């Protein structure tokens, strides 16, 4: 699981992208992103989520967001990403 906290914006998204895409490149087929500590996500953060999701899907992998903060839930709903990227309340729900 990859834990993310704080703001995911133009300043921090490149590091998230490098970390997550590095995991995809290393062969990780499933990535769970714990976003419970994220208090802000901009379009740059959404772009990274979509990029990683698509990269995993292309290799028959999967990605989900775990325990989103209320702000992240709202952003995912308003952007329509909640219908694309699976969101779960807990890691146990994935089993």
PDB file of N, CA and C in Angstrom:
ATOM      1  N   UNK A   1       0.850  -1.181   0.000  1.00  0.00           N
ATOM      2  CA  UNK A   1       0.000   0.000   0.000  1.00  0.00           C
ATOM      3  C   UNK A   1       0.887   1.233   0.000  1.00  0.00           C
ATOM      4  N   UNK A   2       0.463   2.215  -0.733  1.00  0.00           N
ATOM      5  CA  UNK A   2       1.166   3.486  -0.825  1.00  0.00           C
ATOM      6  C   UNK A   2       0.358   4.507  -0.034  1.00  0.00           C
ATOM      7  N   UNK A   3       0.962   5.069   1.007  1.00  0.00           N
ATOM      8  CA  UNK A   3       0.267   6.056   1.833  1.00  0.00           C
ATOM      9  C   UNK A   3       0.600   7.457   1.348  1.00  0.00           C
ATOM     10  N   UNK A   4      -0.442   8.253   1.181  1.00  0.00           N
ATOM     11  CA  UNK A   4      -0.294   9.624   0.704  1.00  0.00           C
ATOM     12  C   UNK A   4      -0.911  10.546   1.744  1.00  0.00           C
ATOM     13  N   UNK A   5      -0.246  11.667   2.016  1.00  0.00           N
ATOM     14  CA  UNK A   5      -0.819  12.619   2.965  1.00  0.00           C
ATOM     15  C   UNK A   5      -0.509  14.040   2.521  1.00  0.00           C
ATOM     16  N   UNK A   6      -1.235  14.971   3.106  1.00  0.00           N
ATOM     17  CA  UNK A   6      -1.040  16.380   2.788  1.00  0.00           C
ATOM     18  C   UNK A   6      -1.720  16.759   1.489  1.00  0.00           C
ATOM     19  N   UNK A   7      -1.100  17.673   0.772  1.00  0.00           N
ATOM     20  CA  UNK A   7      -1.648  18.160  -0.495  1.00  0.00           C
ATOM     21  C   UNK A   7      -1.062  17.388  -1.664  1.00  0.00           C
ATOM     22  N   UNK A   8      -1.916  17.068  -2.624  1.00  0.00           N
ATOM     23  CA  UNK A   8      -1.461  16.468  -3.877  1.00  0.00           C
ATOM     24  C   UNK A   8      -1.798  17.496  -4.947  1.00  0.00           C
ATOM     25  N   UNK A   9      -0.779  18.250  -5.323  1.00  0.00           N
ATOM     26  CA  UNK A   9      -0.975  19.356  -6.262  1.00  0.00           C
ATOM     27  C   UNK A   9       0.190  19.402  -7.245  1.00  0.00           C
ATOM     28  N   UNK A  10       0.316  20.494  -7.974  1.00  0.00           N
ATOM     29  CA  UNK A  10       1.362  20.607  -8.991  1.00  0.00           C
ATOM     30  C   UNK A  10       2.765  20.461  -8.404  1.00  0.00           C
ATOM     31  N   UNK A  11       2.937  20.836  -7.148  1.00  0.00           N
ATOM     32  CA  UNK A  11       4.255  20.748  -6.520  1.00  0.00           C
ATOM     33  C   UNK A  11       4.581  19.328  -6.054  1.00  0.00           C
ATOM     34  N   UNK A  12       3.577  18.572  -5.637  1.00  0.00           N
ATOM     35  CA  UNK A  12       3.826  17.242  -5.064  1.00  0.00           C
ATOM     36  C   UNK A  12       3.467  16.089  -5.998  1.00  0.00           C
ATOM     37  N   UNK A  13       2.659  16.338  -7.003  1.00  0.00           N
ATOM     38  CA  UNK A  13       2.218  15.278  -7.915  1.00  0.00           C
ATOM     39  C   UNK A  13       3.375  14.579  -8.635  1.00  0.00           C
ATOM     40  N   UNK A  14       4.424  15.302  -9.058  1.00  0.00           N
ATOM     41  CA  UNK A  14       5.525  14.601  -9.739  1.00  0.00           C
ATOM     42  C   UNK A  14       6.190  13.518  -8.879  1.00  0.00           C
ATOM     43  N   UNK A  15       6.330  13.755  -7.593  1.00  0.00           N
ATOM     44  CA  UNK A  15       6.925  12.744  -6.713  1.00  0.00           C
ATOM     45  C   UNK A  15       5.994  11.545  -6.577  1.00  0.00           C
ATOM     46  N   UNK A  16       4.697  11.784  -6.458  1.00  0.00           N
ATOM     47  CA  UNK A  16       3.732  10.692  -6.394  1.00  0.00           C
ATOM     48  C   UNK A  16       3.763   9.894  -7.695  1.00  0.00           C
ATOM     49  N   UNK A  17       3.809  10.600  -8.804  1.00  0.00           N
ATOM     50  CA  UNK A  17       3.863   9.936 -10.101  1.00  0.00           C
ATOM     51  C   UNK A  17       5.112   9.060 -10.212  1.00  0.00           C
ATOM     52  N   UNK A  18       6.258   9.584  -9.813  1.00  0.00           N
ATOM     53  CA  UNK A  18       7.505   8.827  -9.896  1.00  0.00           C
ATOM     54  C   UNK A  18       7.440   7.579  -9.017  1.00  0.00           C
ATOM     55  N   UNK A  19       6.913   7.722  -7.817  1.00  0.00           N
ATOM     56  CA  UNK A  19       6.815   6.591  -6.896  1.00  0.00           C
ATOM     57  C   UNK A  19       5.856   5.531  -7.440  1.00  0.00           C
ATOM     58  N   UNK A  20       4.655   5.944  -7.791  1.00  0.00           N
ATOM     59  CA  UNK A  20       3.636   4.992  -8.243  1.00  0.00           C
ATOM     60  C   UNK A  20       4.021   4.341  -9.574  1.00  0.00           C
ATOM     61  N   UNK A  21       4.505   5.127 -10.530  1.00  0.00           N
ATOM     62  CA  UNK A  21       4.883   4.562 -11.823  1.00  0.00           C
ATOM     63  C   UNK A  21       6.133   3.692 -11.692  1.00  0.00           C
ATOM     64  N   UNK A  22       6.984   4.009 -10.729  1.00  0.00           N
ATOM     65  CA  UNK A  22       8.134   3.155 -10.450  1.00  0.00           C
ATOM     66  C   UNK A  22       7.691   1.781  -9.985  1.00  0.00           C
ATOM     67  N   UNK A  23       6.651   1.757  -9.177  1.00  0.00           N
ATOM     68  CA  UNK A  23       6.098   0.484  -8.705  1.00  0.00           C
ATOM     69  C   UNK A  23       5.492  -0.301  -9.865  1.00  0.00           C
ATOM     70  N   UNK A  24       4.797   0.405 -10.749  1.00  0.00           N
ATOM     71  CA  UNK A  24       4.217  -0.258 -11.928  1.00  0.00           C
ATOM     72  C   UNK A  24       5.346  -0.825 -12.788  1.00  0.00           C
ATOM     73  N   UNK A  25       6.375  -0.022 -13.009  1.00  0.00           N
ATOM     74  CA  UNK A  25       7.518  -0.462 -13.807  1.00  0.00           C
ATOM     75  C   UNK A  25       8.257  -1.631 -13.193  1.00  0.00           C
ATOM     76  N   UNK A  26       8.210  -1.736 -11.867  1.00  0.00           N
ATOM     77  CA  UNK A  26       8.874  -2.832 -11.160  1.00  0.00           C
ATOM     78  C   UNK A  26       8.018  -4.092 -11.150  1.00  0.00           C
ATOM     79  N   UNK A  27       6.834  -4.006 -11.720  1.00  0.00           N
ATOM     80  CA  UNK A  27       5.998  -5.192 -11.841  1.00  0.00           C
ATOM     81  C   UNK A  27       4.873  -5.325 -10.837  1.00  0.00           C
ATOM     82  N   UNK A  28       4.669  -4.322  -9.985  1.00  0.00           N
ATOM     83  CA  UNK A  28       3.529  -4.395  -9.062  1.00  0.00           C
ATOM     84  C   UNK A  28       2.249  -4.371  -9.877  1.00  0.00           C
ATOM     85  N   UNK A  29       1.410  -5.363  -9.663  1.00  0.00           N
ATOM     86  CA  UNK A  29       0.177  -5.474 -10.441  1.00  0.00           C
ATOM     87  C   UNK A  29      -1.011  -4.810  -9.757  1.00  0.00           C
ATOM     88  N   UNK A  30      -0.929  -4.673  -8.432  1.00  0.00           N
ATOM     89  CA  UNK A  30      -2.030  -4.065  -7.686  1.00  0.00           C
ATOM     90  C   UNK A  30      -1.475  -3.016  -6.736  1.00  0.00           C
ATOM     91  N   UNK A  31      -2.073  -1.842  -6.800  1.00  0.00           N
ATOM     92  CA  UNK A  31      -1.648  -0.761  -5.925  1.00  0.00           C
ATOM     93  C   UNK A  31      -2.865  -0.198  -5.200  1.00  0.00           C
ATOM     94  N   UNK A  32      -2.773  -0.169  -3.888  1.00  0.00           N
ATOM     95  CA  UNK A  32      -3.789   0.460  -3.057  1.00  0.00           C
ATOM     96  C   UNK A  32      -3.193   1.763  -2.528  1.00  0.00           C
ATOM     97  N   UNK A  33      -3.882   2.838  -2.738  1.00  0.00           N
ATOM     98  CA  UNK A  33      -3.423   4.145  -2.284  1.00  0.00           C
ATOM     99  C   UNK A  33      -4.232   4.572  -1.068  1.00  0.00           C
ATOM    100  N   UNK A  34      -3.571   4.642   0.081  1.00  0.00           N
ATOM    101  CA  UNK A  34      -4.236   5.118   1.293  1.00  0.00           C
ATOM    102  C   UNK A  34      -4.245   6.634   1.237  1.00  0.00           C
ATOM    103  N   UNK A  35      -5.412   7.208   1.003  1.00  0.00           N
ATOM    104  CA  UNK A  35      -5.543   8.659   0.852  1.00  0.00           C
ATOM    105  C   UNK A  35      -6.260   9.299   2.042  1.00  0.00           C
ATOM    106  N   UNK A  36      -6.254   8.598   3.164  1.00  0.00           N
ATOM    107  CA  UNK A  36      -6.946   9.113   4.349  1.00  0.00           C
ATOM    108  C   UNK A  36      -6.321  10.404   4.866  1.00  0.00           C
ATOM    109  N   UNK A  37      -5.037  10.608   4.613  1.00  0.00           N
ATOM    110  CA  UNK A  37      -4.349  11.803   5.096  1.00  0.00           C
ATOM    111  C   UNK A  37      -4.262  12.929   4.083  1.00  0.00           C
ATOM    112  N   UNK A  38      -4.920  12.775   2.938  1.00  0.00           N
ATOM    113  CA  UNK A  38      -4.879  13.815   1.905  1.00  0.00           C
ATOM    114  C   UNK A  38      -5.929  14.872   2.222  1.00  0.00           C
ATOM    115  N   UNK A  39      -5.467  16.123   2.367  1.00  0.00           N
ATOM    116  CA  UNK A  39      -6.411  17.193   2.677  1.00  0.00           C
ATOM    117  C   UNK A  39      -6.693  18.105   1.481  1.00  0.00           C
ATOM    118  N   UNK A  40      -5.958  17.896   0.377  1.00  0.00           N
ATOM    119  CA  UNK A  40      -6.202  18.690  -0.833  1.00  0.00           C
ATOM    120  C   UNK A  40      -5.701  17.909  -2.034  1.00  0.00           C
ATOM    121  N   UNK A  41      -6.479  17.891  -3.115  1.00  0.00           N
ATOM    122  CA  UNK A  41      -6.042  17.268  -4.357  1.00  0.00           C
ATOM    123  C   UNK A  41      -6.469  18.142  -5.520  1.00  0.00           C
ATOM    124  N   UNK A  42      -5.497  18.537  -6.309  1.00  0.00           N
ATOM    125  CA  UNK A  42      -5.772  19.373  -7.474  1.00  0.00           C
ATOM    126  C   UNK A  42      -5.915  18.488  -8.714  1.00  0.00           C
ATOM    127  N   UNK A  43      -6.126  19.134  -9.857  1.00  0.00           N
ATOM    128  CA  UNK A  43      -6.219  18.390 -11.111  1.00  0.00           C
ATOM    129  C   UNK A  43      -4.912  17.667 -11.417  1.00  0.00           C
ATOM    130  N   UNK A  44      -3.792  18.196 -10.943  1.00  0.00           N
ATOM    131  CA  UNK A  44      -2.505  17.514 -11.151  1.00  0.00           C
ATOM    132  C   UNK A  44      -2.500  16.172 -10.426  1.00  0.00           C
ATOM    133  N   UNK A  45      -3.076  16.115  -9.248  1.00  0.00           N
ATOM    134  CA  UNK A  45      -3.179  14.866  -8.507  1.00  0.00           C
ATOM    135  C   UNK A  45      -4.117  13.889  -9.194  1.00  0.00           C
ATOM    136  N   UNK A  46      -5.242  14.390  -9.671  1.00  0.00           N
ATOM    137  CA  UNK A  46      -6.183  13.534 -10.397  1.00  0.00           C
ATOM    138  C   UNK A  46      -5.535  12.965 -11.656  1.00  0.00           C
ATOM    139  N   UNK A  47      -4.749  13.779 -12.321  1.00  0.00           N
ATOM    140  CA  UNK A  47      -4.059  13.336 -13.535  1.00  0.00           C
ATOM    141  C   UNK A  47      -3.117  12.168 -13.232  1.00  0.00           C
ATOM    142  N   UNK A  48      -2.392  12.252 -12.113  1.00  0.00           N
ATOM    143  CA  UNK A  48      -1.494  11.166 -11.715  1.00  0.00           C
ATOM    144  C   UNK A  48      -2.296   9.909 -11.398  1.00  0.00           C
ATOM    145  N   UNK A  49      -3.387  10.045 -10.668  1.00  0.00           N
ATOM    146  CA  UNK A  49      -4.212   8.882 -10.355  1.00  0.00           C
ATOM    147  C   UNK A  49      -4.677   8.185 -11.631  1.00  0.00           C
ATOM    148  N   UNK A  50      -5.142   8.967 -12.593  1.00  0.00           N
ATOM    149  CA  UNK A  50      -5.626   8.392 -13.843  1.00  0.00           C
ATOM    150  C   UNK A  50      -4.493   7.731 -14.619  1.00  0.00           C
ATOM    151  N   UNK A  51      -3.328   8.350 -14.633  1.00  0.00           N
ATOM    152  CA  UNK A  51      -2.172   7.798 -15.335  1.00  0.00           C
ATOM    153  C   UNK A  51      -1.779   6.433 -14.763  1.00  0.00           C
ATOM    154  N   UNK A  52      -1.704   6.363 -13.454  1.00  0.00           N
ATOM    155  CA  UNK A  52      -1.324   5.112 -12.790  1.00  0.00           C
ATOM    156  C   UNK A  52      -2.402   4.054 -13.005  1.00  0.00           C
ATOM    157  N   UNK A  53      -3.664   4.445 -12.865  1.00  0.00           N
ATOM    158  CA  UNK A  53      -4.771   3.525 -13.075  1.00  0.00           C
ATOM    159  C   UNK A  53      -4.715   2.931 -14.486  1.00  0.00           C
ATOM    160  N   UNK A  54      -4.512   3.774 -15.493  1.00  0.00           N
ATOM    161  CA  UNK A  54      -4.460   3.309 -16.880  1.00  0.00           C
ATOM    162  C   UNK A  54      -3.256   2.403 -17.128  1.00  0.00           C
ATOM    163  N   UNK A  55      -2.113   2.751 -16.546  1.00  0.00           N
ATOM    164  CA  UNK A  55      -0.916   1.925 -16.710  1.00  0.00           C
ATOM    165  C   UNK A  55      -1.131   0.535 -16.120  1.00  0.00           C
ATOM    166  N   UNK A  56      -1.759   0.477 -14.953  1.00  0.00           N
ATOM    167  CA  UNK A  56      -2.032  -0.818 -14.331  1.00  0.00           C
ATOM    168  C   UNK A  56      -3.076  -1.606 -15.119  1.00  0.00           C
ATOM    169  N   UNK A  57      -4.107  -0.929 -15.571  1.00  0.00           N
ATOM    170  CA  UNK A  57      -5.160  -1.599 -16.332  1.00  0.00           C
ATOM    171  C   UNK A  57      -4.612  -2.190 -17.628  1.00  0.00           C
ATOM    172  N   UNK A  58      -3.655  -1.503 -18.249  1.00  0.00           N
ATOM    173  CA  UNK A  58      -3.054  -1.981 -19.497  1.00  0.00           C
ATOM    174  C   UNK A  58      -2.283  -3.280 -19.301  1.00  0.00           C
ATOM    175  N   UNK A  59      -1.877  -3.554 -18.079  1.00  0.00           N
ATOM    176  CA  UNK A  59      -1.133  -4.788 -17.785  1.00  0.00           C
ATOM    177  C   UNK A  59      -1.981  -5.752 -16.950  1.00  0.00           C
ATOM    178  N   UNK A  60      -3.295  -5.605 -17.031  1.00  0.00           N
ATOM    179  CA  UNK A  60      -4.240  -6.419 -16.264  1.00  0.00           C
ATOM    180  C   UNK A  60      -4.066  -6.275 -14.761  1.00  0.00           C
ATOM    181  N   UNK A  61      -3.548  -5.128 -14.334  1.00  0.00           N
ATOM    182  CA  UNK A  61      -3.401  -4.833 -12.917  1.00  0.00           C
ATOM    183  C   UNK A  61      -4.612  -4.078 -12.406  1.00  0.00           C
ATOM    184  N   UNK A  62      -4.505  -3.585 -11.185  1.00  0.00           N
ATOM    185  CA  UNK A  62      -5.624  -2.866 -10.577  1.00  0.00           C
ATOM    186  C   UNK A  62      -5.118  -1.843  -9.572  1.00  0.00           C
ATOM    187  N   UNK A  63      -5.920  -0.827  -9.375  1.00  0.00           N
ATOM    188  CA  UNK A  63      -5.609   0.211  -8.396  1.00  0.00           C
ATOM    189  C   UNK A  63      -6.902   0.603  -7.694  1.00  0.00           C
ATOM    190  N   UNK A  64      -6.783   0.972  -6.431  1.00  0.00           N
ATOM    191  CA  UNK A  64      -7.938   1.501  -5.720  1.00  0.00           C
ATOM    192  C   UNK A  64      -7.467   2.541  -4.708  1.00  0.00           C
ATOM    193  N   UNK A  65      -8.381   3.382  -4.304  1.00  0.00           N
ATOM    194  CA  UNK A  65      -8.132   4.352  -3.244  1.00  0.00           C
ATOM    195  C   UNK A  65      -8.757   3.810  -1.977  1.00  0.00           C
ATOM    196  N   UNK A  66      -8.021   3.879  -0.881  1.00  0.00           N
ATOM    197  CA  UNK A  66      -8.494   3.337   0.384  1.00  0.00           C
ATOM    198  C   UNK A  66      -8.719   4.463   1.388  1.00  0.00           C
ATOM    199  N   UNK A  67      -9.859   4.407   2.056  1.00  0.00           N
ATOM    200  CA  UNK A  67     -10.202   5.312   3.151  1.00  0.00           C
ATOM    201  C   UNK A  67     -10.014   6.788   2.788  1.00  0.00           C
ATOM    202  N   UNK A  68     -10.702   7.243   1.748  1.00  0.00           N
ATOM    203  CA  UNK A  68     -10.528   8.641   1.356  1.00  0.00           C
ATOM    204  C   UNK A  68     -11.046   9.615   2.399  1.00  0.00           C
ATOM    205  N   UNK A  69     -10.337  10.722   2.535  1.00  0.00           N
ATOM    206  CA  UNK A  69     -10.807  11.799   3.399  1.00  0.00           C
ATOM    207  C   UNK A  69     -12.083  12.372   2.772  1.00  0.00           C
ATOM    208  N   UNK A  70     -12.883  13.102   3.535  1.00  0.00           N
ATOM    209  CA  UNK A  70     -14.093  13.696   2.962  1.00  0.00           C
ATOM    210  C   UNK A  70     -13.780  14.579   1.747  1.00  0.00           C
ATOM    211  N   UNK A  71     -12.659  15.308   1.802  1.00  0.00           N
ATOM    212  CA  UNK A  71     -12.307  16.169   0.672  1.00  0.00           C
ATOM    213  C   UNK A  71     -12.029  15.332  -0.571  1.00  0.00           C
ATOM    214  N   UNK A  72     -11.245  14.263  -0.427  1.00  0.00           N
ATOM    215  CA  UNK A  72     -10.911  13.415  -1.572  1.00  0.00           C
ATOM    216  C   UNK A  72     -12.172  12.756  -2.119  1.00  0.00           C
ATOM    217  N   UNK A  73     -13.061  12.308  -1.248  1.00  0.00           N
ATOM    218  CA  UNK A  73     -14.322  11.720  -1.704  1.00  0.00           C
ATOM    219  C   UNK A  73     -15.106  12.707  -2.553  1.00  0.00           C
ATOM    220  N   UNK A  74     -15.163  13.944  -2.091  1.00  0.00           N
ATOM    221  CA  UNK A  74     -15.900  14.972  -2.836  1.00  0.00           C
ATOM    222  C   UNK A  74     -15.259  15.249  -4.189  1.00  0.00           C
ATOM    223  N   UNK A  75     -13.939  15.364  -4.215  1.00  0.00           N
ATOM    224  CA  UNK A  75     -13.222  15.614  -5.477  1.00  0.00           C
ATOM    225  C   UNK A  75     -13.438  14.451  -6.443  1.00  0.00           C
ATOM    226  N   UNK A  76     -13.367  13.231  -5.933  1.00  0.00           N
ATOM    227  CA  UNK A  76     -13.570  12.057  -6.786  1.00  0.00           C
ATOM    228  C   UNK A  76     -14.989  12.046  -7.351  1.00  0.00           C
ATOM    229  N   UNK A  77     -15.971  12.384  -6.533  1.00  0.00           N
ATOM    230  CA  UNK A  77     -17.366  12.427  -6.992  1.00  0.00           C
ATOM    231  C   UNK A  77     -17.590  13.530  -8.019  1.00  0.00           C
ATOM    232  N   UNK A  78     -17.133  14.729  -7.701  1.00  0.00           N
ATOM    233  CA  UNK A  78     -17.364  15.873  -8.595  1.00  0.00           C
ATOM    234  C   UNK A  78     -16.653  15.731  -9.937  1.00  0.00           C
ATOM    235  N   UNK A  79     -15.485  15.102  -9.927  1.00  0.00           N
ATOM    236  CA  UNK A  79     -14.714  14.944 -11.159  1.00  0.00           C
ATOM    237  C   UNK A  79     -15.180  13.762 -11.997  1.00  0.00           C
ATOM    238  N   UNK A  80     -15.980  12.887 -11.401  1.00  0.00           N
ATOM    239  CA  UNK A  80     -16.410  11.688 -12.100  1.00  0.00           C
ATOM    240  C   UNK A  80     -15.433  10.536 -11.963  1.00  0.00           C
ATOM    241  N   UNK A  81     -14.324  10.760 -11.282  1.00  0.00           N
ATOM    242  CA  UNK A  81     -13.308   9.722 -11.122  1.00  0.00           C
ATOM    243  C   UNK A  81     -13.783   8.582 -10.223  1.00  0.00           C
ATOM    244  N   UNK A  82     -14.765   8.840  -9.366  1.00  0.00           N
ATOM    245  CA  UNK A  82     -15.277   7.781  -8.488  1.00  0.00           C
ATOM    246  C   UNK A  82     -15.916   6.666  -9.304  1.00  0.00           C
ATOM    247  N   UNK A  83     -16.353   6.974 -10.502  1.00  0.00           N
ATOM    248  CA  UNK A  83     -16.921   5.967 -11.392  1.00  0.00           C
ATOM    249  C   UNK A  83     -15.871   5.232 -12.202  1.00  0.00           C
ATOM    250  N   UNK A  84     -14.623   5.671 -12.109  1.00  0.00           N
ATOM    251  CA  UNK A  84     -13.530   5.070 -12.867  1.00  0.00           C
ATOM    252  C   UNK A  84     -12.595   4.289 -11.951  1.00  0.00           C
ATOM    253  N   UNK A  85     -12.142   4.944 -10.893  1.00  0.00           N
ATOM    254  CA  UNK A  85     -11.183   4.346  -9.965  1.00  0.00           C
ATOM    255  C   UNK A  85     -11.933   3.837  -8.740  1.00  0.00           C
ATOM    256  N   UNK A  86     -11.798   2.553  -8.435  1.00  0.00           N
ATOM    257  CA  UNK A  86     -12.489   2.008  -7.261  1.00  0.00           C
ATOM    258  C   UNK A  86     -12.043   2.694  -5.968  1.00  0.00           C
ATOM    259  N   UNK A  87     -13.014   2.943  -5.105  1.00  0.00           N
ATOM    260  CA  UNK A  87     -12.767   3.566  -3.807  1.00  0.00           C
ATOM    261  C   UNK A  87     -13.354   2.645  -2.747  1.00  0.00           C
ATOM    262  N   UNK A  88     -12.582   2.371  -1.703  1.00  0.00           N
ATOM    263  CA  UNK A  88     -13.046   1.504  -0.627  1.00  0.00           C
ATOM    264  C   UNK A  88     -12.766   2.142   0.731  1.00  0.00           C
ATOM    265  N   UNK A  89     -13.566   1.784   1.698  1.00  0.00           N
ATOM    266  CA  UNK A  89     -13.412   2.344   3.053  1.00  0.00           C
ATOM    267  C   UNK A  89     -12.250   1.737   3.817  1.00  0.00           C
ATOM    268  N   UNK A  90     -11.883   0.495   3.479  1.00  0.00           N
ATOM    269  CA  UNK A  90     -10.809  -0.154   4.220  1.00  0.00           C
ATOM    270  C   UNK A  90     -10.112  -1.188   3.338  1.00  0.00           C
ATOM    271  N   UNK A  91      -8.910  -1.534   3.730  1.00  0.00           N
ATOM    272  CA  UNK A  91      -8.157  -2.548   3.007  1.00  0.00           C
ATOM    273  C   UNK A  91      -8.831  -3.906   3.112  1.00  0.00           C
ATOM    274  N   UNK A  92      -9.511  -4.169   4.227  1.00  0.00           N
ATOM    275  CA  UNK A  92     -10.198  -5.444   4.405  1.00  0.00           C
ATOM    276  C   UNK A  92     -11.304  -5.627   3.367  1.00  0.00           C
ATOM    277  N   UNK A  93     -11.879  -4.545   2.901  1.00  0.00           N
ATOM    278  CA  UNK A  93     -12.960  -4.627   1.911  1.00  0.00           C
ATOM    279  C   UNK A  93     -12.456  -5.133   0.565  1.00  0.00           C
ATOM    280  N   UNK A  94     -11.152  -5.084   0.364  1.00  0.00           N
ATOM    281  CA  UNK A  94     -10.580  -5.547  -0.895  1.00  0.00           C
ATOM    282  C   UNK A  94     -10.474  -7.063  -0.948  1.00  0.00           C
ATOM    283  N   UNK A  95     -10.446  -7.698   0.187  1.00  0.00           N
ATOM    284  CA  UNK A  95     -10.242  -9.164   0.234  1.00  0.00           C
ATOM    285  C   UNK A  95     -11.444  -9.929  -0.290  1.00  0.00           C
TER     286      UNK A  95
END
